[in-house]
Structures are given as C-alpha cells and as structure tokens.
Amino acid sequence: MIKVLFPLFFLFPLVCVSQTEAKDVEQLKQEILLLRTDVDNIQVNLSLAQNKFKRSILVATIGYTVTIAGGLMLGRKNDDLGKALLVSGGITGITGTILMVDAFKYLGRAGRHKPK
C-alpha cells in the first residue's frame, strides 16, 4: 500500500503545478504581445515626431534667414523688398516654430501610459 501511495504523493503536486504553469505561460505570452504592441506604437510615434520636427526646423530656419536678409535690406535702395522679406520671413519662421511645437504631440503620445 505504501509503495502505491508514495509515488502518488509525489506525482499529484507535479500534475497540479503543470496546469498552473500552462496558465502562467499563456498569461506571459499575452503580456509579451501587449508589450510588443506598445513598443511598435512608440516607434511609430517617434518616427512621426522625428519627420515633423526635421521639417519644422527647416521651415523655421528658412523663415528666419529670410527675415534677416530683409532686415539687412532696410534703409537701402531695395527698402520695399526688405519690408516684404521681413514680413514674409517672420510669418514663415513663426509657422515653422508652430510646426515644431506641434511635432512634440507625438512625443507625448509615445510616453503616455494607458490606463488599465
């Protein structure tokens, strides 16, 4: 009798543990898939932010360069052109700055934690 009960005493916990391990493995797989989805979402948002940020820096740089050129033309024979360049360069520079601030919304999305 002891020969029969003794192996069952050791096998019963192994069967119970293997069933809970299967549930834990499935739960772990689901967590890994959720993490992969989150990482992919972060990478997409960072890529969008990078592209918009580069574009906005280019627009702002061109705008402020035109503003400087317009300021250098003031008081000379091309005074009207200088005034036009000042205004158009200022507007372009401000537009680039607004686009730059707008690019940061993707960074905010990349770092935002979703409520569970």
Protein backbone atom coordinates (compact mmCIF):
# COMPACT_ATOMS: atom_id res chain seq x y z
CA MET A 1 0.00 0.00 0.00
CA ILE A 2 2.79 2.41 0.87
CA LYS A 3 4.50 1.55 -2.40
CA VAL A 4 1.43 2.73 -4.29
CA LEU A 5 0.68 5.83 -2.21
CA PHE A 6 4.24 7.06 -2.03
CA PRO A 7 4.64 7.67 -5.82
CA LEU A 8 1.14 9.20 -6.00
CA PHE A 9 2.12 11.57 -3.22
CA PHE A 10 4.89 12.95 -5.45
CA LEU A 11 3.05 12.82 -8.77
CA PHE A 12 -0.10 14.67 -7.68
CA PRO A 13 1.67 18.00 -6.98
CA LEU A 14 3.52 17.75 -10.31
CA VAL A 15 0.24 17.46 -12.21
CA CYS A 16 -1.27 20.45 -10.37
CA VAL A 17 1.83 22.57 -10.92
CA SER A 18 1.96 21.77 -14.62
CA GLN A 19 -1.63 23.01 -15.07
CA THR A 20 -0.92 26.30 -13.34
CA GLU A 21 2.29 26.70 -15.33
CA ALA A 22 0.32 26.41 -18.58
CA LYS A 23 -1.96 29.25 -17.44
CA ASP A 24 1.05 31.32 -16.40
CA VAL A 25 2.74 30.72 -19.75
CA GLU A 26 -0.35 31.86 -21.64
CA GLN A 27 -0.63 34.95 -19.47
CA LEU A 28 3.06 35.66 -20.04
CA LYS A 29 2.57 35.33 -23.81
CA GLN A 30 -0.30 37.82 -23.68
CA GLU A 31 1.83 40.29 -21.71
CA ILE A 32 4.66 39.96 -24.23
CA LEU A 33 2.27 40.62 -27.12
CA LEU A 34 0.91 43.71 -25.34
CA LEU A 35 4.44 44.97 -24.76
CA ARG A 36 5.32 44.43 -28.42
CA THR A 37 2.25 46.39 -29.46
CA ASP A 38 3.19 49.22 -27.12
CA VAL A 39 6.77 49.29 -28.41
CA ASP A 40 5.57 49.34 -32.02
CA ASN A 41 3.22 52.22 -31.21
CA ILE A 42 6.04 54.14 -29.53
CA GLN A 43 8.32 53.61 -32.52
CA VAL A 44 5.66 54.84 -34.95
CA ASN A 45 5.03 57.97 -32.88
CA LEU A 46 8.75 58.68 -32.54
CA SER A 47 9.20 58.31 -36.29
CA LEU A 48 6.33 60.73 -36.94
CA ALA A 49 7.76 63.20 -34.43
CA GLN A 50 11.21 62.99 -35.99
CA ASN A 51 9.95 63.67 -39.51
CA LYS A 52 7.71 66.57 -38.47
CA PHE A 53 10.45 68.03 -36.28
CA LYS A 54 13.02 67.98 -39.10
CA ARG A 55 10.55 69.59 -41.49
CA SER A 56 9.64 72.29 -38.98
CA ILE A 57 13.29 73.13 -38.27
CA LEU A 58 13.86 73.56 -42.00
CA VAL A 59 10.82 75.85 -42.37
CA ALA A 60 11.76 77.93 -39.32
CA THR A 61 15.39 78.26 -40.46
CA ILE A 62 14.36 79.44 -43.92
CA GLY A 63 11.86 81.88 -42.44
CA TYR A 64 14.29 83.45 -40.01
CA THR A 65 17.02 83.59 -42.66
CA VAL A 66 14.67 85.50 -44.97
CA THR A 67 13.82 87.80 -42.05
CA ILE A 68 17.50 88.57 -41.51
CA ALA A 69 18.01 89.20 -45.21
CA GLY A 70 15.01 91.54 -45.24
CA GLY A 71 16.37 93.41 -42.23
CA LEU A 72 19.70 93.91 -43.95
CA MET A 73 17.94 95.41 -46.98
CA LEU A 74 16.10 98.07 -44.97
CA GLY A 75 17.30 101.64 -45.48
CA ARG A 76 18.88 100.90 -48.83
CA LYS A 77 17.65 101.13 -52.39
CA ASN A 78 15.56 97.92 -52.00
CA ASP A 79 13.69 99.17 -48.95
CA ASP A 80 10.28 97.88 -50.12
CA LEU A 81 11.71 94.43 -50.86
CA GLY A 82 13.30 94.42 -47.40
CA LYS A 83 9.97 95.16 -45.75
CA ALA A 84 8.28 92.39 -47.73
CA LEU A 85 11.05 89.94 -46.80
CA LEU A 86 10.76 90.92 -43.14
CA VAL A 87 7.06 90.19 -43.07
CA SER A 88 7.13 87.02 -45.17
CA GLY A 89 10.19 85.66 -43.35
CA GLY A 90 8.63 86.39 -39.98
CA ILE A 91 5.43 84.61 -40.92
CA THR A 92 7.39 81.64 -42.30
CA GLY A 93 9.56 81.46 -39.18
CA ILE A 94 6.57 81.58 -36.86
CA THR A 95 4.87 78.88 -38.92
CA GLY A 96 7.98 76.69 -38.58
CA THR A 97 8.01 77.27 -34.83
CA ILE A 98 4.34 76.30 -34.56
CA LEU A 99 5.04 73.15 -36.57
CA MET A 100 7.93 72.38 -34.24
CA VAL A 101 5.69 72.64 -31.18
CA ASP A 102 3.10 70.51 -32.96
CA ALA A 103 5.70 67.78 -33.54
CA PHE A 104 6.02 67.32 -29.80
CA LYS A 105 2.48 65.96 -29.50
CA TYR A 106 3.76 62.69 -30.98
CA LEU A 107 6.40 62.51 -28.28
CA GLY A 108 3.68 62.95 -25.70
CA ARG A 109 1.76 60.08 -27.25
CA ALA A 110 4.86 57.90 -27.23
CA GLY A 111 5.39 58.33 -23.50
CA ARG A 112 1.78 58.36 -22.33
CA HIS A 113 0.73 55.43 -20.17
CA LYS A 114 -2.62 53.90 -20.96
CA PRO A 115 -4.92 53.25 -18.01
CA LYS A 116 -5.59 49.59 -17.43
